[in-house]
Structure formats: C-alpha cells, structure tokens
Amino acid sequence: MHVSELPERSQDYLKKIYDLQEWENRGASLSTLADQLGQRRSTASEAVKRLAADGMVNHAPYGDITLTPEGKRLALQMVRRHRLLETFLMNRLGYGRDEVHNEAEVLEHAVSDLFIERIDAALGFPDRDPHGDPIPDADGVINVPDTVALSTAAPGDRLVIDRISDRDPGLLRYLEDHGILPGTEVEVRERPYPEMAAVRIGDADVQLSAASLDAIRCRTTEAG
C-alpha cells in the first residue's frame, strides 16, 4: 500500500503518532493525539480503532498508541513529504521558519511522489528540515540522532541545538530572533527564576520559559 491510498485523516493520524513517538520516545496517548489533531476524543478513538483493524497501529485498552512496522513505513512517507515541503517553502519561496509547518500540512496531501522527488533533487537531497528534524530518504530510511531535551540540562552544560519543535509559531519566532537555531552552541546558565531558564550564546544571555525547554532538543558539544 502507498500512503496516498489512505484517507487524508488517516495520513494525519499516522504522521502525528510518528511525530509524538519521535519527540517523546514513547507511544502517543489518545487524549494527546486528539488534542494535537483538534479532534474529539471519541472521534480519535474511532480513527485509532480503524487503523488498528488495518494493522497500522497497536493500541491496548488504556495504553499508548504505537505504530506497527507497516504503520511506520506509511507514516514516514508522510513525514518525508512534510519535511521536504517545509524545506522547499523556506529555502526557495521565502517562507519564515514559523510559517512553513501549517503550509506543508495542507500541501502534503496534494503533491505527487514525482513532485517530492523533484524538489528533493532541486534542494540537493537535504537531510534536515528548517527546524532540524531529520528527513527520511526515498527508501524510508531516517537517521534520528540521540538528543536530550534542554529541560534536562544543568547549569554549565555546553550543548548544540539539534532540533526545535514546529508546534508553536510564536516560540519559533522568539527562538529565531534570539539566535537559538539548529547548530547553535549554547551554555546553560543558572535559572533566574524557577519558571525561567537562561542560556548563553556568545556574550549574551537569552531567557527562556521553563515550559518551552522540552521543545528544544540538543546534543553535547562532543557529539559534533
């Protein structure tokens, strides 16, 4: 089966489950999945039941939802479309990093495989999108690096920003305005307040809300 044979809503569910698994290293709860997709819990439950019946997800009663190998294969087709479209929109059409996610959410359902392969080649076969998220190749192979959330870092830690979540456009604008982007090296500072964190970039300290730290994934400077 090709992912384009699925209804658009099923495509959305598979991609979102993959996204939640990739960022949180665990399955997706039904309530989180419903919230992320703007669906009622009962609607999400029915959708998950259909995907489970088709062998695309695993979902034990009251347990988290995970992708089966077939579900992951199909989800990665959508992930590839989405992340290549984001890269194309920003690199070639001048969209902002905070704008590309919503636009790609619409376009990913309409484009053909040929179009995706053409923009992949035109972009030089990128392996990361504008937020630092890895892009699966044409065979569905994806290299997800080992990272830690900035929320787990201690004062004095030196880290390199690896990925930033695309879920909050306002946060993306703030991070970009202050130079917190994939590839940037930061030093974690002492917290000025319990609800506020800070990192040093060069000679400047940048404050971040504690609630935003899980949206920033980092690697150690030794990891390169």
N, C-alpha and C. Protein backbone atom coordinates (compact mmCIF):
# COMPACT_ATOMS: atom_id res chain seq x y z
N MET A 1 0.84 -1.21 0.00
CA MET A 1 0.00 0.00 0.00
C MET A 1 0.87 1.25 0.00
N HIS A 2 0.40 2.28 -0.72
CA HIS A 2 1.04 3.59 -0.69
C HIS A 2 0.22 4.51 0.20
N VAL A 3 0.89 5.45 0.85
CA VAL A 3 0.18 6.31 1.80
C VAL A 3 -0.91 7.13 1.12
N SER A 4 -0.76 7.44 -0.17
CA SER A 4 -1.77 8.23 -0.87
C SER A 4 -3.09 7.49 -1.03
N GLU A 5 -3.08 6.17 -0.81
CA GLU A 5 -4.31 5.39 -0.88
C GLU A 5 -5.16 5.53 0.38
N LEU A 6 -4.60 6.08 1.41
CA LEU A 6 -5.33 6.27 2.67
C LEU A 6 -6.10 7.58 2.66
N PRO A 7 -7.21 7.68 3.40
CA PRO A 7 -7.87 8.97 3.57
C PRO A 7 -6.93 9.97 4.22
N GLU A 8 -7.13 11.25 3.91
CA GLU A 8 -6.24 12.28 4.45
C GLU A 8 -6.19 12.24 5.97
N ARG A 9 -7.31 12.02 6.61
CA ARG A 9 -7.31 12.00 8.08
C ARG A 9 -6.48 10.86 8.61
N SER A 10 -6.51 9.71 7.95
CA SER A 10 -5.65 8.59 8.38
C SER A 10 -4.17 8.94 8.20
N GLN A 11 -3.86 9.63 7.12
CA GLN A 11 -2.48 10.09 6.90
C GLN A 11 -2.04 10.99 8.05
N ASP A 12 -2.95 11.89 8.45
CA ASP A 12 -2.64 12.81 9.56
C ASP A 12 -2.39 12.05 10.86
N TYR A 13 -3.21 11.06 11.13
CA TYR A 13 -3.05 10.30 12.37
C TYR A 13 -1.72 9.56 12.39
N LEU A 14 -1.38 8.90 11.31
CA LEU A 14 -0.12 8.16 11.28
C LEU A 14 1.07 9.09 11.45
N LYS A 15 1.05 10.23 10.77
CA LYS A 15 2.17 11.17 10.88
C LYS A 15 2.27 11.75 12.28
N LYS A 16 1.13 12.07 12.87
CA LYS A 16 1.16 12.64 14.21
C LYS A 16 1.63 11.62 15.25
N ILE A 17 1.21 10.36 15.12
CA ILE A 17 1.69 9.33 16.05
C ILE A 17 3.20 9.19 15.92
N TYR A 18 3.70 9.20 14.68
CA TYR A 18 5.15 9.11 14.50
C TYR A 18 5.84 10.31 15.14
N ASP A 19 5.31 11.50 14.92
CA ASP A 19 5.91 12.71 15.46
C ASP A 19 5.99 12.65 16.98
N LEU A 20 4.91 12.21 17.62
CA LEU A 20 4.90 12.13 19.08
C LEU A 20 5.86 11.06 19.57
N GLN A 21 5.94 9.94 18.87
CA GLN A 21 6.90 8.91 19.27
C GLN A 21 8.34 9.41 19.11
N GLU A 22 8.59 10.11 18.02
CA GLU A 22 9.95 10.58 17.74
C GLU A 22 10.41 11.59 18.78
N TRP A 23 9.53 12.50 19.17
CA TRP A 23 9.91 13.55 20.11
C TRP A 23 9.91 13.09 21.56
N GLU A 24 9.00 12.18 21.90
CA GLU A 24 8.84 11.83 23.31
C GLU A 24 9.33 10.42 23.64
N ASN A 25 9.81 9.70 22.62
CA ASN A 25 10.37 8.35 22.82
C ASN A 25 9.40 7.40 23.50
N ARG A 26 8.13 7.57 23.20
CA ARG A 26 7.11 6.66 23.73
C ARG A 26 5.89 6.77 22.84
N GLY A 27 4.91 5.90 23.10
CA GLY A 27 3.69 5.96 22.32
C GLY A 27 2.88 7.22 22.61
N ALA A 28 1.88 7.43 21.79
CA ALA A 28 1.01 8.59 21.95
C ALA A 28 -0.24 8.20 22.73
N SER A 29 -0.62 9.02 23.70
CA SER A 29 -1.88 8.77 24.39
C SER A 29 -3.03 9.24 23.51
N LEU A 30 -4.18 8.67 23.72
CA LEU A 30 -5.35 9.03 22.92
C LEU A 30 -5.72 10.49 23.13
N SER A 31 -5.65 10.97 24.36
CA SER A 31 -6.02 12.36 24.63
C SER A 31 -5.04 13.32 23.97
N THR A 32 -3.74 13.01 24.03
CA THR A 32 -2.74 13.88 23.38
C THR A 32 -2.94 13.89 21.88
N LEU A 33 -3.18 12.72 21.31
CA LEU A 33 -3.40 12.63 19.87
C LEU A 33 -4.62 13.45 19.45
N ALA A 34 -5.71 13.33 20.20
CA ALA A 34 -6.91 14.10 19.88
C ALA A 34 -6.64 15.60 19.97
N ASP A 35 -5.95 16.03 21.03
CA ASP A 35 -5.65 17.45 21.21
C ASP A 35 -4.78 17.97 20.07
N GLN A 36 -3.76 17.22 19.71
CA GLN A 36 -2.82 17.65 18.68
C GLN A 36 -3.50 17.79 17.32
N LEU A 37 -4.49 16.95 17.06
CA LEU A 37 -5.18 16.97 15.77
C LEU A 37 -6.49 17.75 15.80
N GLY A 38 -6.80 18.34 16.95
CA GLY A 38 -8.02 19.13 17.05
C GLY A 38 -9.28 18.30 16.91
N GLN A 39 -9.25 17.08 17.42
CA GLN A 39 -10.38 16.16 17.31
C GLN A 39 -10.97 15.87 18.69
N ARG A 40 -12.23 15.49 18.72
CA ARG A 40 -12.80 14.99 19.96
C ARG A 40 -12.16 13.65 20.28
N ARG A 41 -12.09 13.35 21.57
CA ARG A 41 -11.50 12.08 21.98
C ARG A 41 -12.26 10.89 21.36
N SER A 42 -13.59 11.00 21.29
CA SER A 42 -14.37 9.90 20.72
C SER A 42 -14.07 9.72 19.23
N THR A 43 -13.85 10.83 18.53
CA THR A 43 -13.51 10.77 17.11
C THR A 43 -12.15 10.13 16.93
N ALA A 44 -11.19 10.56 17.76
CA ALA A 44 -9.85 9.99 17.68
C ALA A 44 -9.87 8.50 18.01
N SER A 45 -10.69 8.11 18.97
CA SER A 45 -10.77 6.70 19.35
C SER A 45 -11.25 5.84 18.19
N GLU A 46 -12.26 6.32 17.46
CA GLU A 46 -12.77 5.57 16.32
C GLU A 46 -11.71 5.48 15.21
N ALA A 47 -11.00 6.58 14.99
CA ALA A 47 -9.96 6.57 13.96
C ALA A 47 -8.85 5.59 14.31
N VAL A 48 -8.45 5.56 15.57
CA VAL A 48 -7.40 4.64 16.01
C VAL A 48 -7.87 3.20 15.89
N LYS A 49 -9.14 2.95 16.21
CA LYS A 49 -9.67 1.58 16.07
C LYS A 49 -9.59 1.11 14.62
N ARG A 50 -9.90 2.01 13.68
CA ARG A 50 -9.82 1.64 12.26
C ARG A 50 -8.39 1.36 11.85
N LEU A 51 -7.46 2.19 12.31
CA LEU A 51 -6.05 1.98 11.97
C LEU A 51 -5.53 0.68 12.59
N ALA A 52 -6.00 0.37 13.79
CA ALA A 52 -5.58 -0.89 14.43
C ALA A 52 -6.15 -2.08 13.67
N ALA A 53 -7.40 -1.98 13.22
CA ALA A 53 -8.01 -3.07 12.46
C ALA A 53 -7.29 -3.31 11.14
N ASP A 54 -6.70 -2.24 10.58
CA ASP A 54 -5.96 -2.35 9.32
C ASP A 54 -4.49 -2.70 9.53
N GLY A 55 -4.11 -2.94 10.80
CA GLY A 55 -2.74 -3.37 11.08
C GLY A 55 -1.70 -2.27 11.05
N MET A 56 -2.12 -1.04 11.29
CA MET A 56 -1.19 0.09 11.22
C MET A 56 -0.75 0.62 12.58
N VAL A 57 -1.54 0.35 13.61
CA VAL A 57 -1.17 0.79 14.95
C VAL A 57 -1.47 -0.31 15.95
N ASN A 58 -0.79 -0.23 17.07
CA ASN A 58 -1.08 -1.07 18.23
C ASN A 58 -1.71 -0.19 19.30
N HIS A 59 -2.81 -0.67 19.89
CA HIS A 59 -3.44 0.12 20.94
C HIS A 59 -4.17 -0.81 21.90
N ALA A 60 -3.53 -1.08 23.02
CA ALA A 60 -4.18 -1.85 24.07
C ALA A 60 -5.10 -0.93 24.86
N PRO A 61 -6.18 -1.44 25.43
CA PRO A 61 -7.08 -0.60 26.22
C PRO A 61 -6.32 0.20 27.28
N TYR A 62 -6.57 1.51 27.31
CA TYR A 62 -5.96 2.44 28.27
C TYR A 62 -4.44 2.56 28.10
N GLY A 63 -3.90 2.00 27.04
CA GLY A 63 -2.47 2.09 26.80
C GLY A 63 -2.15 3.11 25.72
N ASP A 64 -0.86 3.36 25.52
CA ASP A 64 -0.42 4.28 24.49
C ASP A 64 -0.57 3.65 23.11
N ILE A 65 -0.61 4.50 22.11
CA ILE A 65 -0.75 4.07 20.72
C ILE A 65 0.62 4.09 20.07
N THR A 66 1.00 3.00 19.43
CA THR A 66 2.28 2.92 18.74
C THR A 66 2.05 2.43 17.31
N LEU A 67 2.99 2.72 16.45
CA LEU A 67 2.90 2.30 15.06
C LEU A 67 3.41 0.88 14.89
N THR A 68 2.75 0.11 14.08
CA THR A 68 3.28 -1.18 13.65
C THR A 68 4.35 -0.91 12.59
N PRO A 69 5.14 -1.91 12.19
CA PRO A 69 6.10 -1.68 11.11
C PRO A 69 5.45 -1.12 9.84
N GLU A 70 4.26 -1.63 9.49
CA GLU A 70 3.57 -1.10 8.31
C GLU A 70 3.10 0.32 8.54
N GLY A 71 2.59 0.59 9.71
CA GLY A 71 2.17 1.95 10.03
C GLY A 71 3.32 2.93 9.99
N LYS A 72 4.48 2.51 10.51
CA LYS A 72 5.65 3.38 10.49
C LYS A 72 6.12 3.63 9.06
N ARG A 73 6.09 2.60 8.22
CA ARG A 73 6.51 2.76 6.83
C ARG A 73 5.65 3.82 6.13
N LEU A 74 4.34 3.74 6.35
CA LEU A 74 3.44 4.71 5.73
C LEU A 74 3.59 6.09 6.36
N ALA A 75 3.76 6.13 7.67
CA ALA A 75 3.96 7.42 8.35
C ALA A 75 5.19 8.13 7.82
N LEU A 76 6.26 7.40 7.58
CA LEU A 76 7.50 8.01 7.10
C LEU A 76 7.34 8.58 5.69
N GLN A 77 6.44 8.03 4.89
CA GLN A 77 6.16 8.63 3.59
C GLN A 77 5.58 10.03 3.76
N MET A 78 4.69 10.18 4.74
CA MET A 78 4.11 11.50 5.01
C MET A 78 5.13 12.43 5.65
N VAL A 79 5.94 11.91 6.56
CA VAL A 79 6.97 12.72 7.20
C VAL A 79 7.94 13.26 6.15
N ARG A 80 8.32 12.42 5.20
CA ARG A 80 9.22 12.85 4.13
C ARG A 80 8.58 13.99 3.32
N ARG A 81 7.33 13.81 2.93
CA ARG A 81 6.65 14.87 2.19
C ARG A 81 6.65 16.18 2.98
N HIS A 82 6.23 16.07 4.23
CA HIS A 82 6.07 17.27 5.06
C HIS A 82 7.40 18.02 5.22
N ARG A 83 8.45 17.31 5.56
CA ARG A 83 9.71 17.98 5.87
C ARG A 83 10.41 18.50 4.62
N LEU A 84 10.26 17.80 3.50
CA LEU A 84 10.80 18.34 2.26
C LEU A 84 10.03 19.58 1.81
N LEU A 85 8.72 19.56 1.97
CA LEU A 85 7.93 20.74 1.62
C LEU A 85 8.30 21.92 2.50
N GLU A 86 8.48 21.70 3.79
CA GLU A 86 8.90 22.79 4.66
C GLU A 86 10.22 23.38 4.19
N THR A 87 11.16 22.52 3.82
CA THR A 87 12.47 22.98 3.38
C THR A 87 12.36 23.76 2.08
N PHE A 88 11.55 23.27 1.16
CA PHE A 88 11.35 23.95 -0.12
C PHE A 88 10.70 25.32 0.09
N LEU A 89 9.68 25.37 0.93
CA LEU A 89 8.98 26.63 1.17
C LEU A 89 9.91 27.69 1.75
N MET A 90 10.77 27.29 2.65
CA MET A 90 11.67 28.26 3.28
C MET A 90 12.85 28.61 2.37
N ASN A 91 13.48 27.60 1.78
CA ASN A 91 14.70 27.85 1.02
C ASN A 91 14.45 28.48 -0.35
N ARG A 92 13.31 28.13 -0.97
CA ARG A 92 13.06 28.60 -2.33
C ARG A 92 11.96 29.63 -2.46
N LEU A 93 11.02 29.64 -1.53
CA LEU A 93 9.88 30.55 -1.66
C LEU A 93 9.85 31.64 -0.59
N GLY A 94 10.84 31.66 0.29
CA GLY A 94 10.96 32.76 1.23
C GLY A 94 10.03 32.73 2.42
N TYR A 95 9.41 31.59 2.70
CA TYR A 95 8.59 31.48 3.90
C TYR A 95 9.46 31.55 5.15
N GLY A 96 8.87 32.03 6.24
CA GLY A 96 9.57 32.03 7.51
C GLY A 96 9.54 30.66 8.16
N ARG A 97 10.49 30.44 9.06
CA ARG A 97 10.56 29.15 9.76
C ARG A 97 9.28 28.90 10.55
N ASP A 98 8.63 29.97 10.98
CA ASP A 98 7.40 29.83 11.75
C ASP A 98 6.16 29.66 10.87
N GLU A 99 6.31 29.77 9.54
CA GLU A 99 5.18 29.70 8.63
C GLU A 99 5.07 28.37 7.88
N VAL A 100 6.20 27.66 7.76
CA VAL A 100 6.23 26.53 6.83
C VAL A 100 5.40 25.33 7.30
N HIS A 101 5.27 25.14 8.60
CA HIS A 101 4.58 23.95 9.09
C HIS A 101 3.13 23.91 8.62
N ASN A 102 2.38 24.98 8.86
CA ASN A 102 0.96 24.98 8.51
C ASN A 102 0.77 24.87 7.00
N GLU A 103 1.64 25.49 6.22
CA GLU A 103 1.52 25.41 4.77
C GLU A 103 1.79 23.99 4.28
N ALA A 104 2.82 23.36 4.86
CA ALA A 104 3.15 21.99 4.46
C ALA A 104 2.06 21.02 4.87
N GLU A 105 1.34 21.29 5.97
CA GLU A 105 0.24 20.44 6.40
C GLU A 105 -0.83 20.33 5.32
N VAL A 106 -1.04 21.42 4.58
CA VAL A 106 -2.03 21.43 3.50
C VAL A 106 -1.47 20.76 2.25
N LEU A 107 -0.26 21.16 1.86
CA LEU A 107 0.31 20.70 0.60
C LEU A 107 0.65 19.21 0.59
N GLU A 108 1.00 18.65 1.74
CA GLU A 108 1.48 17.27 1.77
C GLU A 108 0.45 16.26 1.26
N HIS A 109 -0.82 16.63 1.32
CA HIS A 109 -1.87 15.72 0.85
C HIS A 109 -2.10 15.82 -0.66
N ALA A 110 -1.60 16.89 -1.28
CA ALA A 110 -1.93 17.15 -2.68
C ALA A 110 -0.79 16.81 -3.65
N VAL A 111 0.43 16.77 -3.17
CA VAL A 111 1.57 16.60 -4.08
C VAL A 111 1.76 15.13 -4.45
N SER A 112 2.39 14.92 -5.59
CA SER A 112 2.69 13.57 -6.05
C SER A 112 4.09 13.15 -5.60
N ASP A 113 4.36 11.86 -5.69
CA ASP A 113 5.71 11.37 -5.40
C ASP A 113 6.73 11.99 -6.35
N LEU A 114 6.34 12.18 -7.61
CA LEU A 114 7.26 12.77 -8.58
C LEU A 114 7.64 14.18 -8.16
N PHE A 115 6.65 14.95 -7.71
CA PHE A 115 6.94 16.32 -7.26
C PHE A 115 7.91 16.30 -6.08
N ILE A 116 7.67 15.40 -5.13
CA ILE A 116 8.56 15.31 -3.97
C ILE A 116 9.98 14.94 -4.39
N GLU A 117 10.12 13.99 -5.32
CA GLU A 117 11.45 13.61 -5.76
C GLU A 117 12.14 14.76 -6.48
N ARG A 118 11.36 15.54 -7.24
CA ARG A 118 11.95 16.67 -7.96
C ARG A 118 12.44 17.76 -6.99
N ILE A 119 11.64 18.07 -5.97
CA ILE A 119 12.11 19.11 -5.05
C ILE A 119 13.26 18.59 -4.19
N ASP A 120 13.27 17.30 -3.89
CA ASP A 120 14.39 16.71 -3.16
C ASP A 120 15.69 16.94 -3.95
N ALA A 121 15.66 16.61 -5.23
CA ALA A 121 16.84 16.79 -6.07
C ALA A 121 17.20 18.27 -6.22
N ALA A 122 16.18 19.12 -6.40
CA ALA A 122 16.44 20.56 -6.57
C ALA A 122 17.08 21.17 -5.32
N LEU A 123 16.75 20.62 -4.15
CA LEU A 123 17.31 21.12 -2.90
C LEU A 123 18.66 20.49 -2.55
N GLY A 124 19.11 19.53 -3.38
CA GLY A 124 20.39 18.87 -3.10
C GLY A 124 20.28 17.75 -2.09
N PHE A 125 19.12 17.12 -2.01
CA PHE A 125 18.88 15.97 -1.13
C PHE A 125 19.21 16.31 0.34
N PRO A 126 18.50 17.28 0.91
CA PRO A 126 18.75 17.68 2.31
C PRO A 126 18.40 16.56 3.28
N ASP A 127 19.10 16.51 4.40
CA ASP A 127 18.79 15.51 5.42
C ASP A 127 18.15 16.11 6.66
N ARG A 128 17.97 17.43 6.69
CA ARG A 128 17.28 18.11 7.80
C ARG A 128 16.34 19.17 7.24
N ASP A 129 15.24 19.39 7.95
CA ASP A 129 14.32 20.46 7.54
C ASP A 129 14.67 21.74 8.30
N PRO A 130 13.93 22.84 8.11
CA PRO A 130 14.30 24.10 8.76
C PRO A 130 14.30 24.08 10.28
N HIS A 131 13.62 23.10 10.88
CA HIS A 131 13.58 23.00 12.33
C HIS A 131 14.63 22.02 12.87
N GLY A 132 15.42 21.43 11.97
CA GLY A 132 16.42 20.45 12.38
C GLY A 132 15.91 19.03 12.37
N ASP A 133 14.64 18.81 12.03
CA ASP A 133 14.10 17.46 12.02
C ASP A 133 14.69 16.66 10.86
N PRO A 134 15.10 15.42 11.10
CA PRO A 134 15.68 14.60 10.02
C PRO A 134 14.63 14.26 8.96
N ILE A 135 15.07 14.23 7.71
CA ILE A 135 14.19 13.93 6.58
C ILE A 135 14.44 12.50 6.13
N PRO A 136 13.43 11.66 6.10
CA PRO A 136 13.61 10.29 5.57
C PRO A 136 14.03 10.34 4.10
N ASP A 137 14.85 9.38 3.68
CA ASP A 137 15.21 9.34 2.27
C ASP A 137 14.11 8.64 1.48
N ALA A 138 14.33 8.48 0.19
CA ALA A 138 13.30 7.92 -0.68
C ALA A 138 12.94 6.49 -0.34
N ASP A 139 13.83 5.79 0.37
CA ASP A 139 13.56 4.41 0.79
C ASP A 139 12.95 4.33 2.18
N GLY A 140 12.69 5.48 2.79
CA GLY A 140 12.10 5.49 4.13
C GLY A 140 13.10 5.34 5.24
N VAL A 141 14.38 5.47 4.93
CA VAL A 141 15.43 5.39 5.96
C VAL A 141 15.58 6.77 6.58
N ILE A 142 15.58 6.80 7.90
CA ILE A 142 15.72 8.07 8.61
C ILE A 142 16.76 7.92 9.71
N ASN A 143 17.61 8.92 9.83
CA ASN A 143 18.66 8.92 10.84
C ASN A 143 18.27 9.88 11.95
N VAL A 144 17.72 9.35 13.01
CA VAL A 144 17.30 10.17 14.15
C VAL A 144 18.42 10.21 15.17
N PRO A 145 19.04 11.36 15.39
CA PRO A 145 20.18 11.44 16.30
C PRO A 145 19.76 11.30 17.76
N ASP A 146 20.72 10.91 18.58
CA ASP A 146 20.48 10.89 20.02
C ASP A 146 20.53 12.31 20.55
N THR A 147 19.47 12.75 21.17
CA THR A 147 19.41 14.10 21.71
C THR A 147 18.76 14.07 23.08
N VAL A 148 18.88 15.19 23.78
CA VAL A 148 18.23 15.36 25.07
C VAL A 148 17.45 16.66 25.04
N ALA A 149 16.36 16.71 25.80
CA ALA A 149 15.61 17.95 25.91
C ALA A 149 16.42 18.96 26.72
N LEU A 150 16.32 20.22 26.34
CA LEU A 150 17.03 21.27 27.07
C LEU A 150 16.59 21.32 28.53
N SER A 151 15.38 20.84 28.80
CA SER A 151 14.87 20.83 30.18
C SER A 151 15.69 19.93 31.10
N THR A 152 16.43 18.98 30.53
CA THR A 152 17.21 18.05 31.35
C THR A 152 18.62 18.56 31.64
N ALA A 153 19.02 19.68 31.04
CA ALA A 153 20.39 20.17 31.17
C ALA A 153 20.59 20.89 32.50
N ALA A 154 21.84 20.90 32.94
CA ALA A 154 22.20 21.55 34.20
C ALA A 154 23.05 22.78 33.92
N PRO A 155 23.06 23.75 34.84
CA PRO A 155 23.90 24.93 34.64
C PRO A 155 25.36 24.54 34.37
N GLY A 156 25.95 25.19 33.38
CA GLY A 156 27.32 24.89 32.99
C GLY A 156 27.43 23.94 31.82
N ASP A 157 26.36 23.21 31.51
CA ASP A 157 26.38 22.30 30.36
C ASP A 157 26.52 23.11 29.07
N ARG A 158 27.38 22.61 28.19
CA ARG A 158 27.52 23.21 26.86
C ARG A 158 26.90 22.25 25.85
N LEU A 159 25.96 22.75 25.09
CA LEU A 159 25.18 21.92 24.18
C LEU A 159 25.06 22.58 22.81
N VAL A 160 24.73 21.77 21.83
CA VAL A 160 24.43 22.28 20.49
C VAL A 160 22.95 22.02 20.22
N ILE A 161 22.25 23.06 19.82
CA ILE A 161 20.83 22.91 19.49
C ILE A 161 20.73 22.00 18.27
N ASP A 162 19.93 20.94 18.39
CA ASP A 162 19.80 19.99 17.29
C ASP A 162 18.47 20.15 16.56
N ARG A 163 17.38 20.31 17.31
CA ARG A 163 16.05 20.41 16.72
C ARG A 163 15.20 21.33 17.57
N ILE A 164 14.27 22.01 16.94
CA ILE A 164 13.29 22.80 17.67
C ILE A 164 11.90 22.43 17.16
N SER A 165 10.98 22.25 18.06
CA SER A 165 9.63 21.82 17.69
C SER A 165 8.95 22.89 16.83
N ASP A 166 8.17 22.42 15.84
CA ASP A 166 7.46 23.36 14.97
C ASP A 166 6.02 23.59 15.41
N ARG A 167 5.66 23.16 16.62
CA ARG A 167 4.26 23.22 17.04
C ARG A 167 3.80 24.62 17.45
N ASP A 168 4.72 25.49 17.85
CA ASP A 168 4.35 26.81 18.37
C ASP A 168 5.03 27.90 17.54
N PRO A 169 4.32 28.53 16.60
CA PRO A 169 4.95 29.56 15.77
C PRO A 169 5.52 30.72 16.59
N GLY A 170 4.83 31.10 17.66
CA GLY A 170 5.33 32.19 18.49
C GLY A 170 6.67 31.87 19.12
N LEU A 171 6.81 30.64 19.62
CA LEU A 171 8.08 30.22 20.19
C LEU A 171 9.16 30.18 19.12
N LEU A 172 8.82 29.69 17.93
CA LEU A 172 9.79 29.65 16.83
C LEU A 172 10.30 31.04 16.50
N ARG A 173 9.41 32.02 16.45
CA ARG A 173 9.83 33.40 16.16
C ARG A 173 10.76 33.92 17.25
N TYR A 174 10.43 33.64 18.50
CA TYR A 174 11.27 34.10 19.60
C TYR A 174 12.66 33.47 19.53
N LEU A 175 12.70 32.16 19.32
CA LEU A 175 13.98 31.47 19.26
C LEU A 175 14.83 31.99 18.11
N GLU A 176 14.22 32.17 16.94
CA GLU A 176 14.97 32.67 15.79
C GLU A 176 15.47 34.08 16.03
N ASP A 177 14.62 34.93 16.61
CA ASP A 177 15.03 36.32 16.89
C ASP A 177 16.22 36.38 17.83
N HIS A 178 16.38 35.35 18.67
CA HIS A 178 17.46 35.35 19.65
C HIS A 178 18.59 34.38 19.27
N GLY A 179 18.56 33.89 18.04
CA GLY A 179 19.67 33.08 17.55
C GLY A 179 19.70 31.65 18.03
N ILE A 180 18.59 31.17 18.58
CA ILE A 180 18.53 29.79 19.06
C ILE A 180 17.98 28.93 17.93
N LEU A 181 18.89 28.38 17.14
CA LEU A 181 18.56 27.65 15.93
C LEU A 181 19.37 26.36 15.87
N PRO A 182 18.95 25.39 15.06
CA PRO A 182 19.76 24.18 14.91
C PRO A 182 21.19 24.51 14.52
N GLY A 183 22.12 23.91 15.25
CA GLY A 183 23.54 24.16 15.01
C GLY A 183 24.17 25.18 15.92
N THR A 184 23.34 25.90 16.69
CA THR A 184 23.86 26.92 17.59
C THR A 184 24.37 26.29 18.88
N GLU A 185 25.56 26.70 19.33
CA GLU A 185 26.11 26.22 20.59
C GLU A 185 25.67 27.15 21.72
N VAL A 186 25.20 26.56 22.81
CA VAL A 186 24.74 27.34 23.95
C VAL A 186 25.36 26.80 25.24
N GLU A 187 25.43 27.65 26.23
CA GLU A 187 25.82 27.24 27.58
C GLU A 187 24.65 27.49 28.51
N VAL A 188 24.28 26.48 29.27
CA VAL A 188 23.14 26.61 30.18
C VAL A 188 23.57 27.44 31.39
N ARG A 189 22.78 28.42 31.75
CA ARG A 189 23.06 29.31 32.88
C ARG A 189 22.18 28.94 34.07
N GLU A 190 22.50 29.52 35.21
CA GLU A 190 21.64 29.36 36.38
C GLU A 190 20.28 29.99 36.10
N ARG A 191 19.24 29.38 36.60
CA ARG A 191 17.91 29.92 36.38
C ARG A 191 17.70 31.19 37.20
N PRO A 192 17.26 32.29 36.56
CA PRO A 192 16.98 33.50 37.34
C PRO A 192 15.73 33.34 38.21
N TYR A 193 14.79 32.52 37.75
CA TYR A 193 13.57 32.20 38.49
C TYR A 193 13.23 30.75 38.21
N PRO A 194 12.47 30.10 39.10
CA PRO A 194 12.11 28.70 38.85
C PRO A 194 11.39 28.47 37.54
N GLU A 195 10.56 29.44 37.12
CA GLU A 195 9.79 29.27 35.89
C GLU A 195 10.52 29.83 34.67
N MET A 196 11.75 30.29 34.88
CA MET A 196 12.51 30.88 33.79
C MET A 196 13.90 30.28 33.72
N ALA A 197 14.36 29.92 32.52
CA ALA A 197 15.70 29.40 32.30
C ALA A 197 16.48 30.41 31.47
N ALA A 198 17.77 30.14 31.31
CA ALA A 198 18.61 31.04 30.51
C ALA A 198 19.74 30.25 29.88
N VAL A 199 20.11 30.65 28.68
CA VAL A 199 21.28 30.08 28.00
C VAL A 199 22.14 31.23 27.51
N ARG A 200 23.44 30.97 27.40
CA ARG A 200 24.35 31.98 26.86
C ARG A 200 24.72 31.60 25.44
N ILE A 201 24.59 32.57 24.55
CA ILE A 201 25.02 32.43 23.16
C ILE A 201 26.05 33.52 22.91
N GLY A 202 27.29 33.13 22.72
CA GLY A 202 28.34 34.14 22.60
C GLY A 202 28.49 34.90 23.90
N ASP A 203 28.26 36.20 23.85
CA ASP A 203 28.37 37.04 25.06
C ASP A 203 27.02 37.45 25.62
N ALA A 204 25.96 36.89 25.09
CA ALA A 204 24.62 37.31 25.52
C ALA A 204 23.87 36.17 26.19
N ASP A 205 23.12 36.51 27.23
CA ASP A 205 22.23 35.56 27.86
C ASP A 205 20.82 35.73 27.30
N VAL A 206 20.18 34.61 27.01
CA VAL A 206 18.82 34.61 26.48
C VAL A 206 17.93 33.87 27.46
N GLN A 207 16.85 34.50 27.87
CA GLN A 207 15.92 33.86 28.79
C GLN A 207 14.87 33.06 28.03
N LEU A 208 14.51 31.93 28.62
CA LEU A 208 13.52 31.04 28.04
C LEU A 208 12.57 30.60 29.14
N SER A 209 11.29 30.50 28.82
CA SER A 209 10.36 29.99 29.81
C SER A 209 10.66 28.51 30.05
N ALA A 210 10.52 28.07 31.28
CA ALA A 210 10.77 26.66 31.60
C ALA A 210 9.85 25.76 30.80
N ALA A 211 8.64 26.24 30.50
CA ALA A 211 7.68 25.43 29.75
C ALA A 211 8.11 25.17 28.32
N SER A 212 9.02 25.99 27.78
CA SER A 212 9.44 25.84 26.39
C SER A 212 10.61 24.89 26.21
N LEU A 213 11.23 24.46 27.29
CA LEU A 213 12.50 23.74 27.19
C LEU A 213 12.37 22.36 26.56
N ASP A 214 11.21 21.71 26.72
CA ASP A 214 11.03 20.40 26.10
C ASP A 214 10.89 20.49 24.59
N ALA A 215 10.66 21.70 24.06
CA ALA A 215 10.53 21.89 22.62
C ALA A 215 11.88 22.11 21.94
N ILE A 216 12.95 22.02 22.73
CA ILE A 216 14.30 22.25 22.18
C ILE A 216 15.14 21.02 22.50
N ARG A 217 15.57 20.32 21.47
CA ARG A 217 16.38 19.12 21.63
C ARG A 217 17.83 19.45 21.31
N CYS A 218 18.73 18.89 22.11
CA CYS A 218 20.14 19.25 22.00
C CYS A 218 21.03 18.00 21.98
N ARG A 219 22.26 18.19 21.53
CA ARG A 219 23.29 17.17 21.65
C ARG A 219 24.48 17.81 22.35
N THR A 220 25.35 16.99 22.93
CA THR A 220 26.52 17.51 23.59
C THR A 220 27.51 18.03 22.56
N THR A 221 28.35 18.97 22.96
CA THR A 221 29.32 19.52 22.03
C THR A 221 30.30 18.45 21.57
N GLU A 222 30.55 17.43 22.40
CA GLU A 222 31.45 16.36 22.00
C GLU A 222 30.88 15.53 20.87
N ALA A 223 29.51 15.52 20.72
CA ALA A 223 28.88 14.73 19.67
C ALA A 223 29.06 15.34 18.30
N GLY A 224 29.51 16.60 18.24
CA GLY A 224 29.77 17.27 16.95
C GLY A 224 28.51 17.75 16.29
